[in-house]
Amino acid sequence: MYIIKNAGIHLILISFVVYILVNLAENLIHYNIGRSSNKETKIELPTRRDLIKIVIVTLVFAALQGVLTYWFNNIK
């Protein structure tokens, strides 16, 4: 059933990917709200530098999400 035999790794990867997809969209929305707080909000991509920062922070927290999900799932 699993592509990867180890269910723990599978849980970490699924949690990691889902977090990245959901949180990256949320971060981009927050970025645009902050950029245009005094005017009409438009969805625009950030500069390359800001996008890289957003992606790096998202990846770090996605890794934490995956590991913590695995850890809390295995507490007995």
C-alpha atoms as a PDB file:
ATOM      1  CA  MET A   1       0.000   0.000   0.000  1.00  0.00           C
ATOM      2  CA  TYR A   2       2.758   2.445   0.871  1.00  0.00           C
ATOM      3  CA  ILE A   3       5.356   3.504  -1.664  1.00  0.00           C
ATOM      4  CA  ILE A   4       7.801   3.599   1.221  1.00  0.00           C
ATOM      5  CA  LYS A   5       7.795   0.545   3.488  1.00  0.00           C
ATOM      6  CA  ASN A   6       8.346   2.417   6.757  1.00  0.00           C
ATOM      7  CA  ALA A   7       4.996   3.835   7.928  1.00  0.00           C
ATOM      8  CA  GLY A   8       6.796   6.431  10.093  1.00  0.00           C
ATOM      9  CA  ILE A   9       8.623   7.899   7.102  1.00  0.00           C
ATOM     10  CA  HIS A  10       5.360   7.811   5.145  1.00  0.00           C
ATOM     11  CA  LEU A  11       3.594   9.804   7.886  1.00  0.00           C
ATOM     12  CA  ILE A  12       6.404  12.366   7.998  1.00  0.00           C
ATOM     13  CA  LEU A  13       6.406  12.812   4.207  1.00  0.00           C
ATOM     14  CA  ILE A  14       2.627  13.142   3.887  1.00  0.00           C
ATOM     15  CA  SER A  15       2.507  15.646   6.745  1.00  0.00           C
ATOM     16  CA  PHE A  16       5.466  17.547   5.208  1.00  0.00           C
ATOM     17  CA  VAL A  17       3.863  17.810   1.751  1.00  0.00           C
ATOM     18  CA  VAL A  18       0.406  18.761   3.012  1.00  0.00           C
ATOM     19  CA  TYR A  19       1.879  21.428   5.287  1.00  0.00           C
ATOM     20  CA  ILE A  20       3.925  22.914   2.436  1.00  0.00           C
ATOM     21  CA  LEU A  21       0.936  23.136   0.096  1.00  0.00           C
ATOM     22  CA  VAL A  22      -1.461  24.636   2.615  1.00  0.00           C
ATOM     23  CA  ASN A  23       0.977  26.899   4.409  1.00  0.00           C
ATOM     24  CA  LEU A  24       2.686  28.253   1.297  1.00  0.00           C
ATOM     25  CA  ALA A  25      -0.695  29.434  -0.023  1.00  0.00           C
ATOM     26  CA  GLU A  26      -1.490  30.990   3.358  1.00  0.00           C
ATOM     27  CA  ASN A  27       1.906  32.697   3.556  1.00  0.00           C
ATOM     28  CA  LEU A  28       1.473  34.223   0.099  1.00  0.00           C
ATOM     29  CA  ILE A  29      -1.964  35.554   1.061  1.00  0.00           C
ATOM     30  CA  HIS A  30      -0.566  37.050   4.284  1.00  0.00           C
ATOM     31  CA  TYR A  31       2.320  38.565   2.325  1.00  0.00           C
ATOM     32  CA  ASN A  32      -0.106  40.304  -0.029  1.00  0.00           C
ATOM     33  CA  ILE A  33      -2.330  41.525   2.789  1.00  0.00           C
ATOM     34  CA  GLY A  34       0.696  43.006   4.554  1.00  0.00           C
ATOM     35  CA  ARG A  35       1.969  44.644   1.395  1.00  0.00           C
ATOM     36  CA  SER A  36      -1.300  46.341   0.571  1.00  0.00           C
ATOM     37  CA  SER A  37      -2.804  46.914   4.011  1.00  0.00           C
ATOM     38  CA  ASN A  38      -3.867  50.488   3.221  1.00  0.00           C
ATOM     39  CA  LYS A  39      -5.246  49.825  -0.247  1.00  0.00           C
ATOM     40  CA  GLU A  40      -7.118  47.178  -2.194  1.00  0.00           C
ATOM     41  CA  THR A  41      -5.558  43.743  -1.684  1.00  0.00           C
ATOM     42  CA  LYS A  42      -4.208  42.204  -4.876  1.00  0.00           C
ATOM     43  CA  ILE A  43      -2.607  38.790  -5.119  1.00  0.00           C
ATOM     44  CA  GLU A  44       0.877  39.207  -6.580  1.00  0.00           C
ATOM     45  CA  LEU A  45       3.954  37.063  -6.312  1.00  0.00           C
ATOM     46  CA  PRO A  46       6.635  38.464  -4.034  1.00  0.00           C
ATOM     47  CA  THR A  47      10.087  39.352  -5.301  1.00  0.00           C
ATOM     48  CA  ARG A  48      12.411  36.414  -5.895  1.00  0.00           C
ATOM     49  CA  ARG A  49      14.314  37.183  -2.688  1.00  0.00           C
ATOM     50  CA  ASP A  50      11.132  37.362  -0.575  1.00  0.00           C
ATOM     51  CA  LEU A  51       9.755  34.201  -2.201  1.00  0.00           C
ATOM     52  CA  ILE A  52      12.952  32.316  -1.348  1.00  0.00           C
ATOM     53  CA  LYS A  53      12.680  33.479   2.273  1.00  0.00           C
ATOM     54  CA  ILE A  54       9.030  32.389   2.435  1.00  0.00           C
ATOM     55  CA  VAL A  55       9.831  28.976   0.943  1.00  0.00           C
ATOM     56  CA  ILE A  56      12.783  28.388   3.302  1.00  0.00           C
ATOM     57  CA  VAL A  57      10.711  29.245   6.389  1.00  0.00           C
ATOM     58  CA  THR A  58       7.868  27.048   5.102  1.00  0.00           C
ATOM     59  CA  LEU A  59      10.258  24.121   4.531  1.00  0.00           C
ATOM     60  CA  VAL A  60      11.711  24.423   8.043  1.00  0.00           C
ATOM     61  CA  PHE A  61       8.276  24.433   9.643  1.00  0.00           C
ATOM     62  CA  ALA A  62       7.076  21.649   7.332  1.00  0.00           C
ATOM     63  CA  ALA A  63       9.954  19.488   8.558  1.00  0.00           C
ATOM     64  CA  LEU A  64       9.040  20.303  12.169  1.00  0.00           C
ATOM     65  CA  GLN A  65       5.393  19.508  11.406  1.00  0.00           C
ATOM     66  CA  GLY A  66       6.314  16.120   9.950  1.00  0.00           C
ATOM     67  CA  VAL A  67       8.609  15.132  12.802  1.00  0.00           C
ATOM     68  CA  LEU A  68       6.213  16.328  15.512  1.00  0.00           C
ATOM     69  CA  THR A  69       3.280  14.549  13.850  1.00  0.00           C
ATOM     70  CA  TYR A  70       5.305  11.327  13.827  1.00  0.00           C
ATOM     71  CA  TRP A  71       6.452  11.834  17.412  1.00  0.00           C
ATOM     72  CA  PHE A  72       2.978  12.607  18.795  1.00  0.00           C
ATOM     73  CA  ASN A  73       1.504   9.726  16.813  1.00  0.00           C
ATOM     74  CA  ASN A  74       3.908   7.309  18.533  1.00  0.00           C
ATOM     75  CA  ILE A  75       3.496   8.508  22.139  1.00  0.00           C
ATOM     76  CA  LYS A  76       2.101   5.674  24.209  1.00  0.00           C
END
